[in-house]
Amino acid sequence: MVNKNIKMIVTDLDGTLLQTDKTISEYTKSVFIRCRENGIKTVFATARGGSGERLVPSHLVDGKIRMNGAIAKIDNKIVYECQIPYMLVRPLLIACDKRGLKVVAESCDEHYSIHHVNEHMYKSRNNAHQKLVDISKHAIDSEKIYMTDLTDDDEAFILTQLPDELYFLMAREGNGFGMIMHKNATKAKAVAALANIWGIEKDEIVAFGDDLNDIPMLEFVGVSVAMGNALDKVKNIASLVCDTNDNDGVAKWLEENVL
């Protein structure tokens, strides 16, 4: 049953709020504006870095969760942050580099790698900046470690090298894209941090998602909605399913059930 007393809306971006062409329809924009006019807090939660903020007009949201939960912002002020210490992850980076994996450490919209990043790794990461570094001497904490073209064997190798404080997640966007994050950097923990600041209970939050990294967030909130185009694993844990991202699923659900 839908909680009519929704005070906070959280939505993933790719495959959820964003259409396939990475745009937001005028209809969806109008719904989010109406939600804010009604005093409802609106938040996006994405695995993206700065590109997420460039894709979503600032007047549509009160809060921004980036890097899968490594950073949460209100009015461009960081209110929650959880980075990967470079000394903790350096042995893993060296091991992955020796294996020939294309590893990138991301921090503050800078992408650090020992080699030039190919086009796929920069796909949908407009204006990303890359710096070539010696991984064995890299001394900057990271919000996210990512790599592409991973095989099942590569994934198994990473898991054997992974420190207990970190977790590894494959994304469904294809071409073996994987992410390494700190265990305290999840969308759920970032959502909880924002809700606490605003004095909102989790039963008063509705969240939308489509991919595996959305599951902890969907399990945390009071009302969880999977997109019509979501993975089956996501649909199975969500309490409800809405229309697809290309059919304004998020906005339609909000208009029918909240507004």
Protein backbone atom coordinates (compact mmCIF):
# COMPACT_ATOMS: atom_id res chain seq x y z
CA MET A 1 0.00 0.00 0.00
CA VAL A 2 1.32 3.45 -0.92
CA ASN A 3 2.10 5.83 1.93
CA LYS A 4 0.30 9.03 0.97
CA ASN A 5 2.42 11.03 3.40
CA ILE A 6 5.52 11.06 1.18
CA LYS A 7 7.96 13.78 2.21
CA MET A 8 11.03 12.72 0.21
CA ILE A 9 11.52 11.36 -3.31
CA VAL A 10 14.77 9.66 -4.32
CA THR A 11 15.44 8.53 -7.86
CA ASP A 12 18.28 6.84 -9.68
CA LEU A 13 19.30 8.50 -12.97
CA ASP A 14 20.35 6.12 -15.76
CA GLY A 15 17.50 3.82 -16.70
CA THR A 16 15.23 5.58 -14.21
CA LEU A 17 14.78 9.37 -14.28
CA LEU A 18 16.83 9.77 -17.47
CA GLN A 19 15.46 8.53 -20.75
CA THR A 20 17.66 6.39 -22.99
CA ASP A 21 19.05 9.52 -24.69
CA LYS A 22 20.07 10.85 -21.22
CA THR A 23 17.45 13.62 -21.22
CA ILE A 24 14.58 14.46 -18.86
CA SER A 25 11.21 15.14 -20.47
CA GLU A 26 9.42 18.44 -19.91
CA TYR A 27 6.57 16.49 -18.34
CA THR A 28 8.88 14.91 -15.77
CA LYS A 29 10.45 18.29 -15.02
CA SER A 30 7.01 19.79 -14.39
CA VAL A 31 6.10 16.98 -11.98
CA PHE A 32 9.30 17.45 -9.97
CA ILE A 33 8.70 21.20 -9.78
CA ARG A 34 5.18 20.56 -8.47
CA CYS A 35 6.53 18.12 -5.88
CA ARG A 36 8.95 20.73 -4.59
CA GLU A 37 6.20 23.36 -4.55
CA ASN A 38 4.26 20.98 -2.30
CA GLY A 39 7.15 20.85 0.16
CA ILE A 40 8.40 17.40 -0.85
CA LYS A 41 12.18 16.97 -0.89
CA THR A 42 13.53 15.63 -4.20
CA VAL A 43 16.87 13.84 -4.55
CA PHE A 44 18.75 12.01 -7.26
CA ALA A 45 21.04 9.11 -6.34
CA THR A 46 23.49 7.97 -8.99
CA ALA A 47 26.75 6.11 -9.45
CA ARG A 48 27.85 9.02 -11.64
CA GLY A 49 30.12 11.79 -10.49
CA GLY A 50 29.82 15.37 -11.71
CA SER A 51 28.06 14.33 -14.90
CA GLY A 52 24.93 13.61 -12.88
CA GLU A 53 24.75 17.22 -11.76
CA ARG A 54 25.20 18.40 -15.33
CA LEU A 55 22.36 16.19 -16.57
CA VAL A 56 19.81 17.25 -13.94
CA PRO A 57 18.83 20.95 -13.71
CA SER A 58 19.52 22.16 -10.17
CA HIS A 59 16.02 23.61 -9.73
CA LEU A 60 14.54 20.11 -9.89
CA VAL A 61 16.23 18.67 -6.80
CA ASP A 62 16.98 19.53 -3.18
CA GLY A 63 19.68 16.90 -2.72
CA LYS A 64 22.28 15.15 -4.86
CA ILE A 65 23.81 11.75 -4.13
CA ARG A 66 26.85 10.97 -6.28
CA MET A 67 29.27 8.11 -6.68
CA ASN A 68 26.78 5.49 -5.50
CA GLY A 69 26.58 7.18 -2.11
CA ALA A 70 30.17 8.29 -1.54
CA ILE A 71 28.98 11.90 -1.52
CA ALA A 72 25.66 13.56 -0.65
CA LYS A 73 25.04 17.27 -1.15
CA ILE A 74 22.41 19.81 -0.20
CA ASP A 75 22.58 23.15 -2.01
CA ASN A 76 26.02 22.15 -3.34
CA LYS A 77 27.32 21.65 0.21
CA ILE A 78 28.68 18.19 1.02
CA VAL A 79 26.78 16.77 4.00
CA TYR A 80 27.89 13.12 3.75
CA GLU A 81 31.17 11.73 2.42
CA CYS A 82 32.89 8.36 2.46
CA GLN A 83 36.05 7.89 0.42
CA ILE A 84 38.40 4.97 -0.15
CA PRO A 85 41.78 5.62 1.55
CA TYR A 86 44.57 5.32 -1.01
CA MET A 87 46.74 3.22 1.31
CA LEU A 88 43.90 0.72 1.67
CA VAL A 89 43.25 0.32 -2.04
CA ARG A 90 46.78 0.70 -3.45
CA PRO A 91 47.66 -3.05 -3.27
CA LEU A 92 44.43 -3.86 -5.11
CA LEU A 93 45.15 -1.26 -7.80
CA ILE A 94 48.65 -2.65 -8.31
CA ALA A 95 47.36 -6.24 -8.50
CA CYS A 96 44.68 -5.29 -11.04
CA ASP A 97 47.19 -3.33 -13.12
CA LYS A 98 49.59 -6.30 -13.19
CA ARG A 99 46.71 -8.44 -14.42
CA GLY A 100 46.22 -6.00 -17.29
CA LEU A 101 42.91 -4.57 -16.08
CA LYS A 102 42.07 -1.00 -17.04
CA VAL A 103 41.66 0.56 -13.62
CA VAL A 104 40.63 4.14 -12.92
CA ALA A 105 40.47 5.88 -9.54
CA GLU A 106 37.94 8.71 -9.48
CA SER A 107 37.99 11.66 -7.09
CA CYS A 108 36.46 15.14 -7.39
CA ASP A 109 35.69 14.57 -11.09
CA GLU A 110 39.32 13.70 -11.80
CA HIS A 111 40.01 10.25 -13.28
CA TYR A 112 43.42 8.82 -12.37
CA SER A 113 44.86 5.95 -14.39
CA ILE A 114 48.19 4.54 -15.55
CA HIS A 115 46.97 4.53 -19.16
CA HIS A 116 44.71 6.54 -21.42
CA VAL A 117 41.07 5.73 -20.79
CA ASN A 118 39.23 4.44 -23.83
CA GLU A 119 35.98 5.88 -25.16
CA HIS A 120 33.75 3.33 -23.41
CA MET A 121 35.10 4.23 -19.99
CA TYR A 122 34.23 7.84 -20.67
CA LYS A 123 30.84 6.98 -22.15
CA SER A 124 28.26 9.41 -20.73
CA ARG A 125 30.94 11.08 -18.61
CA ASN A 126 31.01 14.45 -20.33
CA ASN A 127 33.81 16.83 -19.40
CA ALA A 128 35.58 14.17 -17.34
CA HIS A 129 39.24 14.95 -16.68
CA GLN A 130 41.95 12.32 -16.80
CA LYS A 131 45.38 12.37 -15.20
CA LEU A 132 48.01 9.75 -15.93
CA VAL A 133 49.62 8.51 -12.74
CA ASP A 134 51.87 5.79 -11.38
CA ILE A 135 49.39 3.55 -9.56
CA SER A 136 52.08 2.32 -7.17
CA LYS A 137 52.61 5.91 -5.98
CA HIS A 138 49.05 7.22 -6.30
CA ALA A 139 48.30 9.07 -3.05
CA ILE A 140 44.78 10.48 -3.40
CA ASP A 141 41.72 9.05 -1.67
CA SER A 142 39.07 7.90 -4.14
CA GLU A 143 35.31 8.17 -4.21
CA LYS A 144 35.10 5.27 -6.63
CA ILE A 145 37.35 2.80 -8.46
CA TYR A 146 36.00 1.61 -11.79
CA MET A 147 37.07 -0.60 -14.68
CA THR A 148 35.61 -2.04 -17.85
CA ASP A 149 35.92 -5.05 -20.17
CA LEU A 150 35.91 -7.38 -17.16
CA THR A 151 35.41 -11.13 -17.57
CA ASP A 152 33.96 -13.52 -14.99
CA ASP A 153 37.53 -14.57 -14.16
CA ASP A 154 38.51 -10.94 -13.64
CA GLU A 155 35.61 -10.47 -11.26
CA ALA A 156 36.65 -13.54 -9.28
CA PHE A 157 40.23 -12.24 -9.13
CA ILE A 158 39.12 -8.84 -7.83
CA LEU A 159 37.05 -10.45 -5.10
CA THR A 160 40.09 -12.39 -3.87
CA GLN A 161 42.06 -9.13 -3.59
CA LEU A 162 39.30 -6.99 -2.12
CA PRO A 163 39.86 -5.55 1.40
CA ASP A 164 37.05 -6.19 3.90
CA GLU A 165 36.21 -2.48 4.03
CA LEU A 166 35.31 -2.38 0.32
CA TYR A 167 32.70 -3.95 -1.95
CA PHE A 168 32.64 -4.78 -5.65
CA LEU A 169 29.64 -4.41 -7.94
CA MET A 170 29.12 -5.17 -11.62
CA ALA A 171 26.82 -2.79 -13.51
CA ARG A 172 24.45 -4.02 -16.16
CA GLU A 173 25.35 -1.39 -18.73
CA GLY A 174 27.45 -3.96 -20.55
CA ASN A 175 31.09 -4.46 -21.52
CA GLY A 176 32.00 -5.72 -18.06
CA PHE A 177 31.80 -2.42 -16.19
CA GLY A 178 32.60 -2.86 -12.49
CA MET A 179 32.86 -0.56 -9.48
CA ILE A 180 34.75 -0.79 -6.20
CA MET A 181 33.35 1.27 -3.34
CA HIS A 182 33.74 1.71 0.41
CA LYS A 183 31.12 -0.28 2.33
CA ASN A 184 29.80 2.93 3.84
CA ALA A 185 29.36 4.45 0.38
CA THR A 186 25.92 3.22 -0.59
CA LYS A 187 22.84 5.01 -1.79
CA ALA A 188 20.97 3.76 1.28
CA LYS A 189 23.42 5.34 3.74
CA ALA A 190 23.46 8.62 1.82
CA VAL A 191 19.65 8.70 1.70
CA ALA A 192 19.57 8.07 5.46
CA ALA A 193 21.98 10.97 6.01
CA LEU A 194 19.83 13.41 4.02
CA ALA A 195 16.61 12.20 5.66
CA ASN A 196 18.15 12.69 9.10
CA ILE A 197 19.10 16.28 8.28
CA TRP A 198 15.58 17.02 7.04
CA GLY A 199 13.87 15.17 9.89
CA ILE A 200 12.18 12.68 7.58
CA GLU A 201 11.39 9.08 8.56
CA LYS A 202 12.25 6.29 6.13
CA ASP A 203 8.54 5.37 5.89
CA GLU A 204 8.01 8.83 4.38
CA ILE A 205 10.48 8.19 1.54
CA VAL A 206 9.76 6.74 -1.90
CA ALA A 207 12.68 5.58 -4.06
CA PHE A 208 12.92 4.55 -7.71
CA GLY A 209 15.58 2.34 -9.31
CA ASP A 210 16.39 -0.18 -12.00
CA ASP A 211 19.82 -1.71 -11.33
CA LEU A 212 21.65 -3.78 -8.71
CA ASN A 213 23.23 -0.81 -6.94
CA ASP A 214 19.73 0.52 -6.27
CA ILE A 215 18.70 -2.50 -4.19
CA PRO A 216 20.06 -1.33 -0.78
CA MET A 217 18.27 2.00 -1.27
CA LEU A 218 15.01 0.33 -2.26
CA GLU A 219 15.22 -1.98 0.75
CA PHE A 220 15.80 0.98 3.10
CA VAL A 221 12.89 3.26 2.17
CA GLY A 222 9.22 2.94 3.04
CA VAL A 223 7.98 2.76 -0.56
CA SER A 224 10.22 1.11 -3.18
CA VAL A 225 9.37 1.35 -6.88
CA ALA A 226 11.16 -0.58 -9.63
CA MET A 227 11.10 0.71 -13.16
CA GLY A 228 9.30 -1.29 -15.83
CA ASN A 229 12.70 -1.72 -17.49
CA ALA A 230 14.42 -2.77 -14.23
CA LEU A 231 16.30 -6.01 -13.72
CA ASP A 232 14.15 -8.85 -12.40
CA LYS A 233 16.21 -8.90 -9.19
CA VAL A 234 15.22 -5.28 -8.60
CA LYS A 235 11.55 -5.89 -9.38
CA ASN A 236 11.52 -8.84 -7.00
CA ILE A 237 12.59 -6.77 -3.99
CA ALA A 238 10.57 -3.64 -4.80
CA SER A 239 7.09 -3.18 -3.39
CA LEU A 240 5.77 -1.70 -6.64
CA VAL A 241 6.62 -1.45 -10.35
CA CYS A 242 5.99 1.62 -12.51
CA ASP A 243 6.27 2.37 -16.22
CA THR A 244 9.64 2.46 -18.03
CA ASN A 245 12.13 5.31 -18.00
CA ASP A 246 11.36 6.18 -21.62
CA ASN A 247 7.66 6.47 -20.74
CA ASP A 248 8.16 8.86 -17.81
CA GLY A 249 7.59 6.08 -15.29
CA VAL A 250 8.81 8.06 -12.29
CA ALA A 251 6.75 11.17 -13.07
CA LYS A 252 3.59 9.21 -13.88
CA TRP A 253 3.81 7.30 -10.60
CA LEU A 254 4.37 10.47 -8.60
CA GLU A 255 1.46 12.27 -10.23
CA GLU A 256 -0.89 9.36 -9.64
CA ASN A 257 0.23 8.40 -6.11
CA VAL A 258 1.72 11.50 -4.49
CA LEU A 259 0.44 14.64 -6.19
